[in-house]
């Protein structure tokens, strides 16, 4: 398992970056409300590539086809979550 962790002032995101065909990236989000996560996902403009399940965020690897890497997208989400 390859973990990607972002943390700041009570906000915590941990993502399993080990992905492959038909295997999405799974992130655990802590320290913010689900509403905040939904708002952050919308602001990225890539919500079609993500699914929210409780405190988990599933990121489709098909986002590569849209010209964005999963790491870039996770950093962008983290930025918006810090604004909540």
N, C-alpha and C. Protein backbone atom coordinates (compact mmCIF):
# COMPACT_ATOMS: atom_id res chain seq x y z
N UNK A 1 0.84 -1.17 0.00
CA UNK A 1 0.00 0.00 0.00
C UNK A 1 0.89 1.24 0.00
N UNK A 2 0.55 2.18 -0.82
CA UNK A 2 1.26 3.45 -0.91
C UNK A 2 0.34 4.55 -0.40
N UNK A 3 0.69 5.16 0.72
CA UNK A 3 -0.18 6.17 1.34
C UNK A 3 0.27 7.58 0.98
N UNK A 4 -0.72 8.43 0.80
CA UNK A 4 -0.51 9.85 0.57
C UNK A 4 -1.29 10.55 1.67
N UNK A 5 -0.61 11.32 2.52
CA UNK A 5 -1.25 11.93 3.68
C UNK A 5 -1.07 13.44 3.64
N UNK A 6 -2.16 14.16 3.86
CA UNK A 6 -2.15 15.61 4.01
C UNK A 6 -2.82 15.94 5.33
N UNK A 7 -2.21 16.85 6.11
CA UNK A 7 -2.75 17.16 7.43
C UNK A 7 -2.47 18.62 7.75
N UNK A 8 -3.48 19.28 8.33
CA UNK A 8 -3.33 20.67 8.75
C UNK A 8 -4.44 21.04 9.72
N UNK A 9 -4.08 21.47 10.91
CA UNK A 9 -5.01 22.00 11.91
C UNK A 9 -6.30 21.19 12.06
N UNK A 10 -6.18 19.91 12.29
CA UNK A 10 -7.35 19.07 12.51
C UNK A 10 -7.93 18.44 11.25
N UNK A 11 -7.53 18.92 10.10
CA UNK A 11 -7.97 18.34 8.83
C UNK A 11 -6.98 17.26 8.44
N UNK A 12 -7.48 16.09 8.06
CA UNK A 12 -6.62 14.96 7.77
C UNK A 12 -7.17 14.20 6.57
N UNK A 13 -6.33 13.98 5.58
CA UNK A 13 -6.69 13.16 4.42
C UNK A 13 -5.62 12.10 4.26
N UNK A 14 -6.06 10.85 4.15
CA UNK A 14 -5.14 9.74 3.91
C UNK A 14 -5.66 8.97 2.71
N UNK A 15 -4.83 8.84 1.69
CA UNK A 15 -5.25 8.18 0.46
C UNK A 15 -4.36 6.98 0.15
N UNK A 16 -5.00 5.89 -0.23
CA UNK A 16 -4.30 4.71 -0.70
C UNK A 16 -4.06 4.93 -2.19
N UNK A 17 -2.83 5.24 -2.55
CA UNK A 17 -2.51 5.60 -3.93
C UNK A 17 -2.16 4.39 -4.80
N UNK A 18 -2.33 3.20 -4.27
CA UNK A 18 -2.09 2.00 -5.04
C UNK A 18 -3.34 1.71 -5.86
N UNK A 19 -3.26 1.96 -7.14
CA UNK A 19 -4.44 1.80 -7.99
C UNK A 19 -4.06 1.05 -9.26
N UNK A 20 -5.07 0.65 -9.97
CA UNK A 20 -4.87 -0.07 -11.22
C UNK A 20 -6.17 -0.07 -11.99
N UNK A 21 -6.24 -0.86 -13.05
CA UNK A 21 -7.47 -0.93 -13.83
C UNK A 21 -8.66 -1.32 -12.94
N UNK A 22 -9.69 -0.55 -13.02
CA UNK A 22 -10.93 -0.77 -12.27
C UNK A 22 -10.74 -0.71 -10.75
N UNK A 23 -9.64 -0.11 -10.28
CA UNK A 23 -9.43 0.06 -8.85
C UNK A 23 -9.26 1.55 -8.58
N UNK A 24 -10.20 2.12 -7.87
CA UNK A 24 -10.18 3.55 -7.58
C UNK A 24 -9.26 3.86 -6.41
N UNK A 25 -8.93 5.12 -6.28
CA UNK A 25 -8.15 5.60 -5.15
C UNK A 25 -9.13 5.89 -4.02
N UNK A 26 -8.83 5.38 -2.86
CA UNK A 26 -9.70 5.54 -1.70
C UNK A 26 -9.02 6.45 -0.68
N UNK A 27 -9.74 7.52 -0.29
CA UNK A 27 -9.21 8.47 0.69
C UNK A 27 -10.15 8.53 1.89
N UNK A 28 -9.55 8.63 3.06
CA UNK A 28 -10.30 8.86 4.28
C UNK A 28 -10.13 10.32 4.66
N UNK A 29 -11.24 10.99 4.93
CA UNK A 29 -11.21 12.42 5.26
C UNK A 29 -11.73 12.58 6.68
N UNK A 30 -10.96 13.30 7.50
CA UNK A 30 -11.36 13.55 8.89
C UNK A 30 -11.19 15.03 9.21
N UNK A 31 -12.04 15.52 10.10
CA UNK A 31 -11.91 16.89 10.59
C UNK A 31 -12.81 17.91 9.93
N UNK A 32 -13.63 17.47 8.97
CA UNK A 32 -14.58 18.36 8.31
C UNK A 32 -15.90 17.61 8.12
N UNK A 33 -16.96 18.35 7.87
CA UNK A 33 -18.27 17.75 7.65
C UNK A 33 -18.37 17.18 6.24
N UNK A 34 -19.31 16.29 6.06
CA UNK A 34 -19.55 15.73 4.73
C UNK A 34 -19.98 16.84 3.76
N UNK A 35 -20.74 17.79 4.26
CA UNK A 35 -21.17 18.92 3.42
C UNK A 35 -19.96 19.69 2.90
N UNK A 36 -18.96 19.87 3.74
CA UNK A 36 -17.73 20.55 3.33
C UNK A 36 -17.01 19.76 2.24
N UNK A 37 -16.96 18.44 2.40
CA UNK A 37 -16.32 17.58 1.40
C UNK A 37 -17.08 17.69 0.07
N UNK A 38 -18.40 17.65 0.13
CA UNK A 38 -19.20 17.76 -1.08
C UNK A 38 -18.95 19.09 -1.79
N UNK A 39 -18.87 20.16 -1.02
CA UNK A 39 -18.62 21.49 -1.58
C UNK A 39 -17.23 21.56 -2.22
N UNK A 40 -16.23 21.00 -1.55
CA UNK A 40 -14.87 21.00 -2.08
C UNK A 40 -14.80 20.22 -3.39
N UNK A 41 -15.46 19.07 -3.44
CA UNK A 41 -15.47 18.26 -4.65
C UNK A 41 -16.11 19.04 -5.80
N UNK A 42 -17.22 19.71 -5.53
CA UNK A 42 -17.90 20.51 -6.56
C UNK A 42 -16.98 21.61 -7.10
N UNK A 43 -16.26 22.27 -6.21
CA UNK A 43 -15.41 23.39 -6.61
C UNK A 43 -14.27 22.97 -7.54
N UNK A 44 -13.85 21.72 -7.48
CA UNK A 44 -12.75 21.27 -8.34
C UNK A 44 -13.17 21.21 -9.81
N UNK A 45 -14.45 21.01 -10.06
CA UNK A 45 -14.92 20.84 -11.43
C UNK A 45 -14.74 19.41 -11.94
N UNK A 46 -14.30 18.51 -11.07
CA UNK A 46 -14.07 17.12 -11.45
C UNK A 46 -14.96 16.18 -10.64
N UNK A 47 -16.11 16.63 -10.23
CA UNK A 47 -16.98 15.82 -9.38
C UNK A 47 -17.46 14.54 -10.07
N UNK A 48 -17.45 14.52 -11.39
CA UNK A 48 -17.87 13.31 -12.11
C UNK A 48 -16.90 12.15 -11.88
N UNK A 49 -15.71 12.46 -11.42
CA UNK A 49 -14.69 11.44 -11.20
C UNK A 49 -14.57 11.02 -9.73
N UNK A 50 -15.46 11.55 -8.88
CA UNK A 50 -15.38 11.26 -7.46
C UNK A 50 -16.72 10.82 -6.89
N UNK A 51 -16.63 10.05 -5.82
CA UNK A 51 -17.83 9.57 -5.13
C UNK A 51 -17.56 9.69 -3.63
N UNK A 52 -18.53 10.20 -2.90
CA UNK A 52 -18.40 10.38 -1.46
C UNK A 52 -19.24 9.33 -0.76
N UNK A 53 -18.61 8.59 0.14
CA UNK A 53 -19.30 7.57 0.94
C UNK A 53 -18.94 7.78 2.40
N UNK A 54 -19.74 8.54 3.10
CA UNK A 54 -19.45 8.85 4.50
C UNK A 54 -18.18 9.66 4.61
N UNK A 55 -17.18 9.14 5.34
CA UNK A 55 -15.93 9.87 5.47
C UNK A 55 -14.89 9.40 4.43
N UNK A 56 -15.35 8.65 3.43
CA UNK A 56 -14.46 8.17 2.37
C UNK A 56 -14.74 8.90 1.07
N UNK A 57 -13.68 9.18 0.36
CA UNK A 57 -13.76 9.79 -0.94
C UNK A 57 -13.12 8.82 -1.93
N UNK A 58 -13.88 8.42 -2.93
CA UNK A 58 -13.36 7.50 -3.95
C UNK A 58 -13.09 8.30 -5.21
N UNK A 59 -11.88 8.20 -5.69
CA UNK A 59 -11.44 8.97 -6.85
C UNK A 59 -11.15 8.02 -7.99
N UNK A 60 -11.86 8.17 -9.09
CA UNK A 60 -11.68 7.30 -10.25
C UNK A 60 -10.37 7.63 -10.95
N UNK A 61 -9.65 6.58 -11.34
CA UNK A 61 -8.40 6.80 -12.06
C UNK A 61 -8.64 7.28 -13.49
N UNK A 62 -9.87 7.29 -13.92
CA UNK A 62 -10.17 7.84 -15.25
C UNK A 62 -9.97 9.35 -15.30
N UNK A 63 -9.68 9.96 -14.16
CA UNK A 63 -9.40 11.40 -14.12
C UNK A 63 -8.14 11.71 -14.94
N UNK A 64 -7.27 10.72 -15.13
CA UNK A 64 -6.09 10.92 -15.99
C UNK A 64 -6.51 11.36 -17.39
N UNK A 65 -7.61 10.76 -17.88
CA UNK A 65 -8.10 11.09 -19.22
C UNK A 65 -8.59 12.52 -19.31
N UNK A 66 -8.94 13.11 -18.17
CA UNK A 66 -9.41 14.50 -18.14
C UNK A 66 -8.24 15.48 -17.99
N UNK A 67 -7.01 14.95 -17.94
CA UNK A 67 -5.85 15.82 -17.88
C UNK A 67 -5.39 16.19 -16.48
N UNK A 68 -5.83 15.45 -15.48
CA UNK A 68 -5.47 15.75 -14.09
C UNK A 68 -4.93 14.48 -13.45
N UNK A 69 -3.91 14.62 -12.61
CA UNK A 69 -3.43 13.44 -11.89
C UNK A 69 -4.20 13.34 -10.57
N UNK A 70 -4.33 12.14 -10.02
CA UNK A 70 -5.01 12.00 -8.74
C UNK A 70 -4.36 12.83 -7.64
N UNK A 71 -3.04 12.88 -7.62
CA UNK A 71 -2.34 13.67 -6.60
C UNK A 71 -2.67 15.15 -6.68
N UNK A 72 -2.73 15.68 -7.90
CA UNK A 72 -3.09 17.09 -8.09
C UNK A 72 -4.51 17.36 -7.59
N UNK A 73 -5.39 16.44 -7.90
CA UNK A 73 -6.79 16.60 -7.50
C UNK A 73 -6.95 16.52 -5.98
N UNK A 74 -6.22 15.63 -5.35
CA UNK A 74 -6.28 15.51 -3.89
C UNK A 74 -5.76 16.78 -3.23
N UNK A 75 -4.68 17.33 -3.74
CA UNK A 75 -4.14 18.60 -3.20
C UNK A 75 -5.16 19.72 -3.35
N UNK A 76 -5.85 19.77 -4.49
CA UNK A 76 -6.86 20.80 -4.72
C UNK A 76 -8.03 20.65 -3.75
N UNK A 77 -8.47 19.43 -3.54
CA UNK A 77 -9.55 19.17 -2.58
C UNK A 77 -9.12 19.60 -1.18
N UNK A 78 -7.88 19.27 -0.81
CA UNK A 78 -7.35 19.65 0.50
C UNK A 78 -7.38 21.17 0.67
N UNK A 79 -6.98 21.90 -0.38
CA UNK A 79 -7.01 23.36 -0.34
C UNK A 79 -8.43 23.86 -0.04
N UNK A 80 -9.42 23.35 -0.76
CA UNK A 80 -10.80 23.79 -0.55
C UNK A 80 -11.33 23.37 0.83
N UNK A 81 -10.91 22.21 1.30
CA UNK A 81 -11.36 21.76 2.63
C UNK A 81 -10.82 22.68 3.73
N UNK A 82 -9.64 23.21 3.54
CA UNK A 82 -9.05 24.12 4.53
C UNK A 82 -9.85 25.41 4.64
N UNK A 83 -10.63 25.73 3.62
CA UNK A 83 -11.43 26.97 3.61
C UNK A 83 -12.77 26.81 4.34
N UNK A 84 -13.14 25.57 4.66
CA UNK A 84 -14.42 25.32 5.33
C UNK A 84 -14.40 25.80 6.78
